Amino acid sequence: MIKLRKGNAPTITKGPYAGEIVTGDHIIPRSVTPELDNTLFNLEFMPLTLNQKKSAKVGQRQIQLARRWHKLGILSDEGLRSVETQSK
């Protein structure tokens, strides 16, 4: 919290990524579903190196989340189709 108060980025303090900057990443890539670009529920935090290694891939986790969000009415039919199509 001290670093954040001074305007610095948060860093991981324990584990194999200790010392790395924490970054926010889209769970379902914005290139696949632009409608989720500015939604907090589509963000997760991860170490910078993991974020850089990640690509805009869609796997089972993303498909399951997209289906759940669609069922809840927070992802459109078109968005769900886009996620399911991208995974193939």
N, C-alpha and C. Protein backbone atom coordinates (compact mmCIF):
# COMPACT_ATOMS: atom_id res chain seq x y z
N MET A 1 0.83 -1.20 0.00
CA MET A 1 0.00 0.00 0.00
C MET A 1 0.87 1.25 0.00
N ILE A 2 2.03 1.17 0.63
CA ILE A 2 2.91 2.35 0.66
C ILE A 2 3.31 2.74 -0.75
N LYS A 3 3.66 1.75 -1.58
CA LYS A 3 4.04 2.04 -2.97
C LYS A 3 2.88 2.67 -3.73
N LEU A 4 1.68 2.14 -3.52
CA LEU A 4 0.52 2.68 -4.21
C LEU A 4 0.25 4.13 -3.82
N ARG A 5 0.40 4.43 -2.54
CA ARG A 5 0.18 5.80 -2.08
C ARG A 5 1.17 6.79 -2.69
N LYS A 6 2.33 6.28 -3.05
CA LYS A 6 3.35 7.13 -3.68
C LYS A 6 3.22 7.15 -5.20
N GLY A 7 2.20 6.48 -5.72
CA GLY A 7 1.97 6.49 -7.16
C GLY A 7 2.69 5.40 -7.92
N ASN A 8 3.29 4.44 -7.22
CA ASN A 8 3.99 3.35 -7.88
C ASN A 8 3.05 2.17 -8.13
N ALA A 9 3.44 1.33 -9.06
CA ALA A 9 2.64 0.14 -9.37
C ALA A 9 2.79 -0.89 -8.26
N PRO A 10 1.74 -1.67 -8.02
CA PRO A 10 1.83 -2.72 -7.00
C PRO A 10 2.78 -3.82 -7.48
N THR A 11 3.42 -4.47 -6.55
CA THR A 11 4.32 -5.58 -6.88
C THR A 11 3.96 -6.80 -6.05
N ILE A 12 4.32 -7.95 -6.59
CA ILE A 12 4.09 -9.21 -5.89
C ILE A 12 5.17 -9.35 -4.84
N THR A 13 4.78 -9.77 -3.64
CA THR A 13 5.74 -9.84 -2.53
C THR A 13 6.19 -11.24 -2.17
N LYS A 14 5.46 -12.28 -2.61
CA LYS A 14 5.82 -13.65 -2.25
C LYS A 14 5.72 -14.57 -3.45
N GLY A 15 6.42 -15.69 -3.37
CA GLY A 15 6.31 -16.71 -4.40
C GLY A 15 7.27 -16.51 -5.54
N PRO A 16 7.12 -17.30 -6.60
CA PRO A 16 8.08 -17.28 -7.71
C PRO A 16 8.10 -15.97 -8.50
N TYR A 17 7.07 -15.16 -8.35
CA TYR A 17 7.02 -13.90 -9.09
C TYR A 17 7.28 -12.68 -8.19
N ALA A 18 7.84 -12.93 -7.04
CA ALA A 18 8.12 -11.84 -6.09
C ALA A 18 8.95 -10.75 -6.76
N GLY A 19 8.53 -9.51 -6.53
CA GLY A 19 9.23 -8.36 -7.11
C GLY A 19 8.67 -7.89 -8.43
N GLU A 20 7.84 -8.70 -9.06
CA GLU A 20 7.27 -8.32 -10.35
C GLU A 20 6.08 -7.39 -10.17
N ILE A 21 5.87 -6.56 -11.16
CA ILE A 21 4.73 -5.65 -11.18
C ILE A 21 3.46 -6.46 -11.42
N VAL A 22 2.38 -6.08 -10.76
CA VAL A 22 1.08 -6.69 -10.98
C VAL A 22 0.39 -5.95 -12.11
N THR A 23 -0.15 -6.70 -13.07
CA THR A 23 -0.86 -6.09 -14.19
C THR A 23 -2.29 -6.61 -14.25
N GLY A 24 -3.16 -5.84 -14.83
CA GLY A 24 -4.54 -6.26 -15.06
C GLY A 24 -4.65 -6.83 -16.45
N ASP A 25 -5.43 -7.88 -16.60
CA ASP A 25 -5.57 -8.54 -17.89
C ASP A 25 -7.03 -8.93 -18.10
N HIS A 26 -7.45 -8.92 -19.35
CA HIS A 26 -8.80 -9.35 -19.69
C HIS A 26 -8.86 -10.88 -19.69
N ILE A 27 -9.85 -11.44 -19.01
CA ILE A 27 -10.02 -12.89 -18.99
C ILE A 27 -10.45 -13.36 -20.38
N ILE A 28 -11.50 -12.75 -20.90
CA ILE A 28 -11.88 -12.97 -22.29
C ILE A 28 -11.30 -11.80 -23.06
N PRO A 29 -10.39 -12.06 -24.00
CA PRO A 29 -9.70 -10.96 -24.69
C PRO A 29 -10.65 -9.95 -25.32
N ARG A 30 -10.27 -8.69 -25.24
CA ARG A 30 -11.13 -7.64 -25.81
C ARG A 30 -11.20 -7.74 -27.33
N SER A 31 -10.21 -8.38 -27.95
CA SER A 31 -10.26 -8.56 -29.40
C SER A 31 -11.36 -9.55 -29.78
N VAL A 32 -11.75 -10.41 -28.85
CA VAL A 32 -12.81 -11.40 -29.09
C VAL A 32 -14.17 -10.81 -28.76
N THR A 33 -14.27 -10.10 -27.63
CA THR A 33 -15.55 -9.50 -27.20
C THR A 33 -15.31 -8.07 -26.74
N PRO A 34 -15.28 -7.12 -27.67
CA PRO A 34 -15.05 -5.73 -27.31
C PRO A 34 -16.05 -5.20 -26.28
N GLU A 35 -17.26 -5.77 -26.23
CA GLU A 35 -18.27 -5.28 -25.29
C GLU A 35 -17.85 -5.48 -23.83
N LEU A 36 -16.89 -6.38 -23.57
CA LEU A 36 -16.42 -6.63 -22.20
C LEU A 36 -15.17 -5.83 -21.85
N ASP A 37 -14.75 -4.95 -22.74
CA ASP A 37 -13.50 -4.21 -22.54
C ASP A 37 -13.46 -3.43 -21.24
N ASN A 38 -14.52 -2.75 -20.89
CA ASN A 38 -14.52 -1.88 -19.71
C ASN A 38 -15.32 -2.45 -18.54
N THR A 39 -15.38 -3.77 -18.43
CA THR A 39 -16.11 -4.39 -17.33
C THR A 39 -15.14 -4.98 -16.33
N LEU A 40 -15.35 -4.67 -15.06
CA LEU A 40 -14.45 -5.15 -14.02
C LEU A 40 -14.48 -6.66 -13.88
N PHE A 41 -15.63 -7.29 -14.09
CA PHE A 41 -15.71 -8.74 -13.91
C PHE A 41 -14.91 -9.51 -14.95
N ASN A 42 -14.47 -8.84 -16.00
CA ASN A 42 -13.65 -9.49 -17.03
C ASN A 42 -12.16 -9.22 -16.83
N LEU A 43 -11.79 -8.74 -15.67
CA LEU A 43 -10.38 -8.45 -15.39
C LEU A 43 -9.85 -9.35 -14.30
N GLU A 44 -8.58 -9.69 -14.41
CA GLU A 44 -7.88 -10.41 -13.36
C GLU A 44 -6.47 -9.84 -13.26
N PHE A 45 -5.87 -10.01 -12.10
CA PHE A 45 -4.52 -9.52 -11.89
C PHE A 45 -3.53 -10.66 -12.00
N MET A 46 -2.37 -10.36 -12.60
CA MET A 46 -1.34 -11.37 -12.75
C MET A 46 0.02 -10.70 -12.89
N PRO A 47 1.10 -11.48 -12.67
CA PRO A 47 2.44 -10.92 -12.82
C PRO A 47 2.67 -10.48 -14.27
N LEU A 48 3.49 -9.48 -14.43
CA LEU A 48 3.77 -8.91 -15.75
C LEU A 48 4.27 -9.98 -16.73
N THR A 49 5.19 -10.85 -16.29
CA THR A 49 5.74 -11.85 -17.22
C THR A 49 4.66 -12.82 -17.71
N LEU A 50 3.74 -13.20 -16.84
CA LEU A 50 2.65 -14.09 -17.28
C LEU A 50 1.75 -13.38 -18.27
N ASN A 51 1.46 -12.13 -18.02
CA ASN A 51 0.61 -11.36 -18.91
C ASN A 51 1.25 -11.22 -20.29
N GLN A 52 2.55 -11.00 -20.32
CA GLN A 52 3.25 -10.85 -21.59
C GLN A 52 3.30 -12.17 -22.38
N LYS A 53 3.33 -13.29 -21.68
CA LYS A 53 3.36 -14.60 -22.36
C LYS A 53 1.99 -14.99 -22.90
N LYS A 54 0.94 -14.46 -22.28
CA LYS A 54 -0.41 -14.79 -22.68
C LYS A 54 -0.74 -14.20 -24.04
N SER A 55 -1.57 -14.87 -24.76
CA SER A 55 -2.05 -14.30 -26.02
C SER A 55 -3.57 -14.18 -25.94
N ALA A 56 -4.18 -13.90 -27.04
CA ALA A 56 -5.63 -13.72 -27.07
C ALA A 56 -6.33 -15.06 -27.29
N LYS A 57 -5.85 -16.09 -26.62
CA LYS A 57 -6.44 -17.42 -26.78
C LYS A 57 -7.73 -17.55 -25.95
N VAL A 58 -8.62 -18.38 -26.45
CA VAL A 58 -9.85 -18.67 -25.75
C VAL A 58 -9.86 -20.16 -25.45
N GLY A 59 -9.95 -20.49 -24.17
CA GLY A 59 -9.98 -21.88 -23.75
C GLY A 59 -11.28 -22.21 -23.04
N GLN A 60 -11.30 -23.36 -22.40
CA GLN A 60 -12.50 -23.81 -21.71
C GLN A 60 -12.95 -22.83 -20.62
N ARG A 61 -12.00 -22.27 -19.89
CA ARG A 61 -12.35 -21.32 -18.83
C ARG A 61 -13.12 -20.13 -19.39
N GLN A 62 -12.62 -19.58 -20.49
CA GLN A 62 -13.26 -18.42 -21.10
C GLN A 62 -14.64 -18.77 -21.65
N ILE A 63 -14.77 -19.96 -22.23
CA ILE A 63 -16.06 -20.38 -22.77
C ILE A 63 -17.07 -20.54 -21.64
N GLN A 64 -16.68 -21.18 -20.55
CA GLN A 64 -17.58 -21.36 -19.42
C GLN A 64 -18.03 -20.02 -18.83
N LEU A 65 -17.08 -19.09 -18.69
CA LEU A 65 -17.43 -17.77 -18.17
C LEU A 65 -18.38 -17.05 -19.13
N ALA A 66 -18.08 -17.12 -20.42
CA ALA A 66 -18.94 -16.46 -21.41
C ALA A 66 -20.35 -17.01 -21.35
N ARG A 67 -20.50 -18.30 -21.22
CA ARG A 67 -21.83 -18.90 -21.13
C ARG A 67 -22.55 -18.46 -19.86
N ARG A 68 -21.82 -18.40 -18.75
CA ARG A 68 -22.43 -17.96 -17.49
C ARG A 68 -22.87 -16.50 -17.60
N TRP A 69 -21.98 -15.64 -18.15
CA TRP A 69 -22.31 -14.23 -18.28
C TRP A 69 -23.47 -14.02 -19.25
N HIS A 70 -23.53 -14.83 -20.30
CA HIS A 70 -24.64 -14.75 -21.24
C HIS A 70 -25.94 -15.12 -20.55
N LYS A 71 -25.92 -16.18 -19.77
CA LYS A 71 -27.11 -16.61 -19.04
C LYS A 71 -27.59 -15.53 -18.06
N LEU A 72 -26.63 -14.80 -17.47
CA LEU A 72 -26.97 -13.73 -16.54
C LEU A 72 -27.41 -12.44 -17.26
N GLY A 73 -27.26 -12.42 -18.58
CA GLY A 73 -27.68 -11.26 -19.35
C GLY A 73 -26.64 -10.16 -19.46
N ILE A 74 -25.40 -10.47 -19.12
CA ILE A 74 -24.35 -9.44 -19.20
C ILE A 74 -23.41 -9.63 -20.39
N LEU A 75 -23.70 -10.65 -21.21
CA LEU A 75 -22.97 -10.85 -22.47
C LEU A 75 -24.02 -11.13 -23.55
N SER A 76 -23.89 -10.44 -24.64
CA SER A 76 -24.87 -10.56 -25.73
C SER A 76 -24.75 -11.91 -26.44
N ASP A 77 -25.76 -12.21 -27.24
CA ASP A 77 -25.73 -13.42 -28.07
C ASP A 77 -24.52 -13.38 -29.00
N GLU A 78 -24.30 -12.20 -29.58
CA GLU A 78 -23.17 -12.03 -30.50
C GLU A 78 -21.84 -12.24 -29.78
N GLY A 79 -21.72 -11.73 -28.56
CA GLY A 79 -20.50 -11.91 -27.79
C GLY A 79 -20.23 -13.36 -27.47
N LEU A 80 -21.27 -14.09 -27.10
CA LEU A 80 -21.12 -15.52 -26.82
C LEU A 80 -20.70 -16.27 -28.07
N ARG A 81 -21.33 -15.98 -29.20
CA ARG A 81 -20.95 -16.63 -30.46
C ARG A 81 -19.49 -16.34 -30.80
N SER A 82 -19.06 -15.12 -30.55
CA SER A 82 -17.68 -14.75 -30.85
C SER A 82 -16.70 -15.57 -30.02
N VAL A 83 -17.00 -15.75 -28.73
CA VAL A 83 -16.13 -16.54 -27.85
C VAL A 83 -16.10 -18.00 -28.31
N GLU A 84 -17.27 -18.55 -28.57
CA GLU A 84 -17.35 -19.96 -28.98
C GLU A 84 -16.68 -20.19 -30.33
N THR A 85 -16.80 -19.25 -31.25
CA THR A 85 -16.17 -19.37 -32.57
C THR A 85 -14.65 -19.25 -32.45
N GLN A 86 -14.18 -18.36 -31.61
CA GLN A 86 -12.74 -18.13 -31.44
C GLN A 86 -12.04 -19.36 -30.88
N SER A 87 -12.75 -20.19 -30.14
CA SER A 87 -12.12 -21.33 -29.47
C SER A 87 -11.87 -22.49 -30.43
N LYS A 88 -12.45 -22.44 -31.59
CA LYS A 88 -12.33 -23.58 -32.53
C LYS A 88 -11.12 -23.46 -33.41
